[in-house]
Amino acid sequence: METTRYKQQDQQQELISFAHQQTSQHPLFQLYQLTHEFHQEARHRQAWEAHCCWYEATSGEHRREIG
């Protein structure tokens, strides 16, 4: 029973790997991937900018409290 489950998992992994190889070479998928990565980077930069603004405001408040 255990070997059957492992065999099924191996087959599923092979199928996933094969599908990934086929789709990753398709130009439409490459465009999708590029767009996804661009938006992911844009969200990351926006979050970083928001953090920097928060940090600057918080540090300014702390400096005023201290000095």
PDB file of N, CA and C in Angstrom:
ATOM      1  N   MET A   1       0.822  -1.198   0.000  1.00  0.00           N
ATOM      2  CA  MET A   1       0.000   0.000   0.000  1.00  0.00           C
ATOM      3  C   MET A   1       0.868   1.265   0.000  1.00  0.00           C
ATOM      4  N   GLU A   2       1.921   1.263   0.827  1.00  0.00           N
ATOM      5  CA  GLU A   2       2.815   2.420   0.899  1.00  0.00           C
ATOM      6  C   GLU A   2       3.515   2.659  -0.433  1.00  0.00           C
ATOM      7  N   THR A   3       4.000   1.579  -1.051  1.00  0.00           N
ATOM      8  CA  THR A   3       4.718   1.740  -2.317  1.00  0.00           C
ATOM      9  C   THR A   3       3.799   2.259  -3.408  1.00  0.00           C
ATOM     10  N   THR A   4       2.529   1.864  -3.368  1.00  0.00           N
ATOM     11  CA  THR A   4       1.568   2.360  -4.355  1.00  0.00           C
ATOM     12  C   THR A   4       1.378   3.856  -4.199  1.00  0.00           C
ATOM     13  N   ARG A   5       1.279   4.318  -2.954  1.00  0.00           N
ATOM     14  CA  ARG A   5       1.114   5.755  -2.707  1.00  0.00           C
ATOM     15  C   ARG A   5       2.329   6.528  -3.187  1.00  0.00           C
ATOM     16  N   TYR A   6       3.514   6.001  -2.901  1.00  0.00           N
ATOM     17  CA  TYR A   6       4.732   6.680  -3.345  1.00  0.00           C
ATOM     18  C   TYR A   6       4.823   6.682  -4.866  1.00  0.00           C
ATOM     19  N   LYS A   7       4.404   5.582  -5.498  1.00  0.00           N
ATOM     20  CA  LYS A   7       4.421   5.503  -6.952  1.00  0.00           C
ATOM     21  C   LYS A   7       3.476   6.554  -7.546  1.00  0.00           C
ATOM     22  N   GLN A   8       2.309   6.709  -6.943  1.00  0.00           N
ATOM     23  CA  GLN A   8       1.353   7.708  -7.417  1.00  0.00           C
ATOM     24  C   GLN A   8       1.916   9.116  -7.248  1.00  0.00           C
ATOM     25  N   GLN A   9       2.569   9.369  -6.118  1.00  0.00           N
ATOM     26  CA  GLN A   9       3.167  10.681  -5.890  1.00  0.00           C
ATOM     27  C   GLN A   9       4.263  10.953  -6.910  1.00  0.00           C
ATOM     28  N   ASP A  10       5.086   9.938  -7.219  1.00  0.00           N
ATOM     29  CA  ASP A  10       6.137  10.097  -8.224  1.00  0.00           C
ATOM     30  C   ASP A  10       5.535  10.405  -9.588  1.00  0.00           C
ATOM     31  N   GLN A  11       4.462   9.712  -9.928  1.00  0.00           N
ATOM     32  CA  GLN A  11       3.805   9.945 -11.209  1.00  0.00           C
ATOM     33  C   GLN A  11       3.219  11.346 -11.274  1.00  0.00           C
ATOM     34  N   GLN A  12       2.621  11.781 -10.180  1.00  0.00           N
ATOM     35  CA  GLN A  12       2.067  13.136 -10.135  1.00  0.00           C
ATOM     36  C   GLN A  12       3.178  14.168 -10.301  1.00  0.00           C
ATOM     37  N   GLN A  13       4.306  13.968  -9.639  1.00  0.00           N
ATOM     38  CA  GLN A  13       5.437  14.895  -9.754  1.00  0.00           C
ATOM     39  C   GLN A  13       5.965  14.926 -11.188  1.00  0.00           C
ATOM     40  N   GLU A  14       6.047  13.776 -11.819  1.00  0.00           N
ATOM     41  CA  GLU A  14       6.507  13.714 -13.205  1.00  0.00           C
ATOM     42  C   GLU A  14       5.555  14.470 -14.124  1.00  0.00           C
ATOM     43  N   LEU A  15       4.258  14.288 -13.902  1.00  0.00           N
ATOM     44  CA  LEU A  15       3.261  14.971 -14.717  1.00  0.00           C
ATOM     45  C   LEU A  15       3.338  16.482 -14.516  1.00  0.00           C
ATOM     46  N   ILE A  16       3.475  16.909 -13.276  1.00  0.00           N
ATOM     47  CA  ILE A  16       3.594  18.343 -12.974  1.00  0.00           C
ATOM     48  C   ILE A  16       4.847  18.906 -13.627  1.00  0.00           C
ATOM     49  N   SER A  17       5.949  18.178 -13.526  1.00  0.00           N
ATOM     50  CA  SER A  17       7.206  18.622 -14.125  1.00  0.00           C
ATOM     51  C   SER A  17       7.073  18.732 -15.643  1.00  0.00           C
ATOM     52  N   PHE A  18       6.444  17.730 -16.259  1.00  0.00           N
ATOM     53  CA  PHE A  18       6.249  17.754 -17.703  1.00  0.00           C
ATOM     54  C   PHE A  18       5.374  18.941 -18.113  1.00  0.00           C
ATOM     55  N   ALA A  19       4.281  19.151 -17.396  1.00  0.00           N
ATOM     56  CA  ALA A  19       3.376  20.258 -17.712  1.00  0.00           C
ATOM     57  C   ALA A  19       4.096  21.595 -17.561  1.00  0.00           C
ATOM     58  N   HIS A  20       4.905  21.716 -16.526  1.00  0.00           N
ATOM     59  CA  HIS A  20       5.652  22.962 -16.307  1.00  0.00           C
ATOM     60  C   HIS A  20       6.623  23.213 -17.460  1.00  0.00           C
ATOM     61  N   GLN A  21       7.301  22.177 -17.904  1.00  0.00           N
ATOM     62  CA  GLN A  21       8.244  22.331 -19.014  1.00  0.00           C
ATOM     63  C   GLN A  21       7.525  22.776 -20.280  1.00  0.00           C
ATOM     64  N   GLN A  22       6.350  22.215 -20.519  1.00  0.00           N
ATOM     65  CA  GLN A  22       5.607  22.552 -21.728  1.00  0.00           C
ATOM     66  C   GLN A  22       5.068  23.976 -21.679  1.00  0.00           C
ATOM     67  N   THR A  23       4.506  24.378 -20.543  1.00  0.00           N
ATOM     68  CA  THR A  23       3.897  25.705 -20.463  1.00  0.00           C
ATOM     69  C   THR A  23       4.935  26.798 -20.310  1.00  0.00           C
ATOM     70  N   SER A  24       6.048  26.509 -19.654  1.00  0.00           N
ATOM     71  CA  SER A  24       7.050  27.553 -19.428  1.00  0.00           C
ATOM     72  C   SER A  24       7.708  27.991 -20.732  1.00  0.00           C
ATOM     73  N   GLN A  25       7.605  27.171 -21.770  1.00  0.00           N
ATOM     74  CA  GLN A  25       8.203  27.523 -23.051  1.00  0.00           C
ATOM     75  C   GLN A  25       7.225  28.268 -23.953  1.00  0.00           C
ATOM     76  N   HIS A  26       5.976  28.287 -23.604  1.00  0.00           N
ATOM     77  CA  HIS A  26       4.964  28.926 -24.438  1.00  0.00           C
ATOM     78  C   HIS A  26       5.067  30.448 -24.268  1.00  0.00           C
ATOM     79  N   PRO A  27       5.086  31.222 -25.374  1.00  0.00           N
ATOM     80  CA  PRO A  27       5.247  32.681 -25.286  1.00  0.00           C
ATOM     81  C   PRO A  27       4.165  33.366 -24.449  1.00  0.00           C
ATOM     82  N   LEU A  28       2.941  32.868 -24.514  1.00  0.00           N
ATOM     83  CA  LEU A  28       1.866  33.478 -23.731  1.00  0.00           C
ATOM     84  C   LEU A  28       2.110  33.293 -22.235  1.00  0.00           C
ATOM     85  N   PHE A  29       2.583  32.102 -21.863  1.00  0.00           N
ATOM     86  CA  PHE A  29       2.898  31.866 -20.465  1.00  0.00           C
ATOM     87  C   PHE A  29       4.068  32.732 -20.024  1.00  0.00           C
ATOM     88  N   GLN A  30       5.058  32.903 -20.889  1.00  0.00           N
ATOM     89  CA  GLN A  30       6.203  33.750 -20.551  1.00  0.00           C
ATOM     90  C   GLN A  30       5.749  35.185 -20.317  1.00  0.00           C
ATOM     91  N   LEU A  31       4.821  35.664 -21.144  1.00  0.00           N
ATOM     92  CA  LEU A  31       4.276  37.012 -20.955  1.00  0.00           C
ATOM     93  C   LEU A  31       3.520  37.110 -19.643  1.00  0.00           C
ATOM     94  N   TYR A  32       2.720  36.096 -19.335  1.00  0.00           N
ATOM     95  CA  TYR A  32       1.992  36.068 -18.064  1.00  0.00           C
ATOM     96  C   TYR A  32       2.970  36.104 -16.895  1.00  0.00           C
ATOM     97  N   GLN A  33       4.009  35.278 -16.971  1.00  0.00           N
ATOM     98  CA  GLN A  33       4.992  35.207 -15.894  1.00  0.00           C
ATOM     99  C   GLN A  33       5.690  36.549 -15.694  1.00  0.00           C
ATOM    100  N   LEU A  34       6.061  37.192 -16.790  1.00  0.00           N
ATOM    101  CA  LEU A  34       6.715  38.496 -16.717  1.00  0.00           C
ATOM    102  C   LEU A  34       5.778  39.531 -16.088  1.00  0.00           C
ATOM    103  N   THR A  35       4.524  39.530 -16.503  1.00  0.00           N
ATOM    104  CA  THR A  35       3.537  40.454 -15.946  1.00  0.00           C
ATOM    105  C   THR A  35       3.329  40.199 -14.452  1.00  0.00           C
ATOM    106  N   HIS A  36       3.238  38.937 -14.089  1.00  0.00           N
ATOM    107  CA  HIS A  36       3.056  38.567 -12.675  1.00  0.00           C
ATOM    108  C   HIS A  36       4.242  39.059 -11.839  1.00  0.00           C
ATOM    109  N   GLU A  37       5.448  38.834 -12.331  1.00  0.00           N
ATOM    110  CA  GLU A  37       6.646  39.262 -11.601  1.00  0.00           C
ATOM    111  C   GLU A  37       6.715  40.787 -11.500  1.00  0.00           C
ATOM    112  N   PHE A  38       6.308  41.483 -12.552  1.00  0.00           N
ATOM    113  CA  PHE A  38       6.303  42.939 -12.525  1.00  0.00           C
ATOM    114  C   PHE A  38       5.357  43.452 -11.443  1.00  0.00           C
ATOM    115  N   HIS A  39       4.135  42.914 -11.411  1.00  0.00           N
ATOM    116  CA  HIS A  39       3.164  43.371 -10.413  1.00  0.00           C
ATOM    117  C   HIS A  39       3.596  42.988  -8.991  1.00  0.00           C
ATOM    118  N   GLN A  40       4.215  41.829  -8.870  1.00  0.00           N
ATOM    119  CA  GLN A  40       4.731  41.417  -7.564  1.00  0.00           C
ATOM    120  C   GLN A  40       5.810  42.395  -7.093  1.00  0.00           C
ATOM    121  N   GLU A  41       6.700  42.784  -7.984  1.00  0.00           N
ATOM    122  CA  GLU A  41       7.752  43.758  -7.648  1.00  0.00           C
ATOM    123  C   GLU A  41       7.139  45.119  -7.313  1.00  0.00           C
ATOM    124  N   ALA A  42       6.117  45.529  -8.071  1.00  0.00           N
ATOM    125  CA  ALA A  42       5.460  46.814  -7.803  1.00  0.00           C
ATOM    126  C   ALA A  42       4.818  46.806  -6.412  1.00  0.00           C
ATOM    127  N   ARG A  43       4.140  45.714  -6.055  1.00  0.00           N
ATOM    128  CA  ARG A  43       3.537  45.617  -4.708  1.00  0.00           C
ATOM    129  C   ARG A  43       4.611  45.660  -3.629  1.00  0.00           C
ATOM    130  N   HIS A  44       5.715  44.973  -3.866  1.00  0.00           N
ATOM    131  CA  HIS A  44       6.808  44.966  -2.900  1.00  0.00           C
ATOM    132  C   HIS A  44       7.366  46.375  -2.697  1.00  0.00           C
ATOM    133  N   ARG A  45       7.562  47.095  -3.784  1.00  0.00           N
ATOM    134  CA  ARG A  45       8.094  48.460  -3.684  1.00  0.00           C
ATOM    135  C   ARG A  45       7.107  49.402  -3.001  1.00  0.00           C
ATOM    136  N   GLN A  46       5.822  49.234  -3.267  1.00  0.00           N
ATOM    137  CA  GLN A  46       4.817  50.067  -2.599  1.00  0.00           C
ATOM    138  C   GLN A  46       4.801  49.792  -1.098  1.00  0.00           C
ATOM    139  N   ALA A  47       4.897  48.520  -0.734  1.00  0.00           N
ATOM    140  CA  ALA A  47       4.935  48.166   0.686  1.00  0.00           C
ATOM    141  C   ALA A  47       6.181  48.744   1.345  1.00  0.00           C
ATOM    142  N   TRP A  48       7.315  48.695   0.655  1.00  0.00           N
ATOM    143  CA  TRP A  48       8.563  49.244   1.189  1.00  0.00           C
ATOM    144  C   TRP A  48       8.446  50.759   1.363  1.00  0.00           C
ATOM    145  N   GLU A  49       7.859  51.427   0.377  1.00  0.00           N
ATOM    146  CA  GLU A  49       7.666  52.878   0.450  1.00  0.00           C
ATOM    147  C   GLU A  49       6.772  53.241   1.634  1.00  0.00           C
ATOM    148  N   ALA A  50       5.701  52.474   1.833  1.00  0.00           N
ATOM    149  CA  ALA A  50       4.802  52.721   2.967  1.00  0.00           C
ATOM    150  C   ALA A  50       5.556  52.516   4.285  1.00  0.00           C
ATOM    151  N   HIS A  51       6.383  51.495   4.353  1.00  0.00           N
ATOM    152  CA  HIS A  51       7.166  51.249   5.563  1.00  0.00           C
ATOM    153  C   HIS A  51       8.137  52.401   5.820  1.00  0.00           C
ATOM    154  N   CYS A  52       8.799  52.872   4.767  1.00  0.00           N
ATOM    155  CA  CYS A  52       9.748  53.975   4.925  1.00  0.00           C
ATOM    156  C   CYS A  52       9.043  55.242   5.418  1.00  0.00           C
ATOM    157  N   CYS A  53       7.865  55.526   4.873  1.00  0.00           N
ATOM    158  CA  CYS A  53       7.100  56.698   5.319  1.00  0.00           C
ATOM    159  C   CYS A  53       6.705  56.548   6.787  1.00  0.00           C
ATOM    160  N   TRP A  54       6.244  55.356   7.158  1.00  0.00           N
ATOM    161  CA  TRP A  54       5.866  55.108   8.549  1.00  0.00           C
ATOM    162  C   TRP A  54       7.082  55.278   9.463  1.00  0.00           C
ATOM    163  N   TYR A  55       8.217  54.726   9.051  1.00  0.00           N
ATOM    164  CA  TYR A  55       9.420  54.802   9.869  1.00  0.00           C
ATOM    165  C   TYR A  55       9.871  56.244  10.040  1.00  0.00           C
ATOM    166  N   GLU A  56       9.826  57.011   8.969  1.00  0.00           N
ATOM    167  CA  GLU A  56      10.236  58.409   9.043  1.00  0.00           C
ATOM    168  C   GLU A  56       9.320  59.190   9.990  1.00  0.00           C
ATOM    169  N   ALA A  57       8.017  58.964   9.893  1.00  0.00           N
ATOM    170  CA  ALA A  57       7.070  59.655  10.767  1.00  0.00           C
ATOM    171  C   ALA A  57       7.269  59.238  12.218  1.00  0.00           C
ATOM    172  N   THR A  58       7.435  57.955  12.451  1.00  0.00           N
ATOM    173  CA  THR A  58       7.616  57.449  13.813  1.00  0.00           C
ATOM    174  C   THR A  58       8.916  57.950  14.413  1.00  0.00           C
ATOM    175  N   SER A  59       9.985  57.936  13.653  1.00  0.00           N
ATOM    176  CA  SER A  59      11.267  58.406  14.193  1.00  0.00           C
ATOM    177  C   SER A  59      11.201  59.912  14.468  1.00  0.00           C
ATOM    178  N   GLY A  60      10.474  60.657  13.636  1.00  0.00           N
ATOM    179  CA  GLY A  60      10.304  62.093  13.894  1.00  0.00           C
ATOM    180  C   GLY A  60       9.555  62.344  15.191  1.00  0.00           C
ATOM    181  N   GLU A  61       8.517  61.548  15.435  1.00  0.00           N
ATOM    182  CA  GLU A  61       7.769  61.688  16.706  1.00  0.00           C
ATOM    183  C   GLU A  61       8.674  61.363  17.889  1.00  0.00           C
ATOM    184  N   HIS A  62       9.467  60.326  17.758  1.00  0.00           N
ATOM    185  CA  HIS A  62      10.353  59.943  18.860  1.00  0.00           C
ATOM    186  C   HIS A  62      11.410  61.022  19.124  1.00  0.00           C
ATOM    187  N   ARG A  63      11.948  61.604  18.060  1.00  0.00           N
ATOM    188  CA  ARG A  63      12.939  62.677  18.249  1.00  0.00           C
ATOM    189  C   ARG A  63      12.310  63.869  18.964  1.00  0.00           C
ATOM    190  N   ARG A  64      11.067  64.198  18.606  1.00  0.00           N
ATOM    191  CA  ARG A  64      10.394  65.321  19.273  1.00  0.00           C
ATOM    192  C   ARG A  64      10.122  65.000  20.741  1.00  0.00           C
ATOM    193  N   GLU A  65       9.765  63.751  21.030  1.00  0.00           N
ATOM    194  CA  GLU A  65       9.509  63.345  22.427  1.00  0.00           C
ATOM    195  C   GLU A  65      10.789  63.420  23.256  1.00  0.00           C
ATOM    196  N   ILE A  66      11.890  63.065  22.683  1.00  0.00           N
ATOM    197  CA  ILE A  66      13.166  63.033  23.407  1.00  0.00           C
ATOM    198  C   ILE A  66      13.747  64.429  23.563  1.00  0.00           C
ATOM    199  N   GLY A  67      13.714  65.184  22.485  1.00  0.00           N
ATOM    200  CA  GLY A  67      14.448  66.436  22.489  1.00  0.00           C
ATOM    201  C   GLY A  67      13.592  67.615  22.561  1.00  0.00           C
TER     202      GLY A  67
END
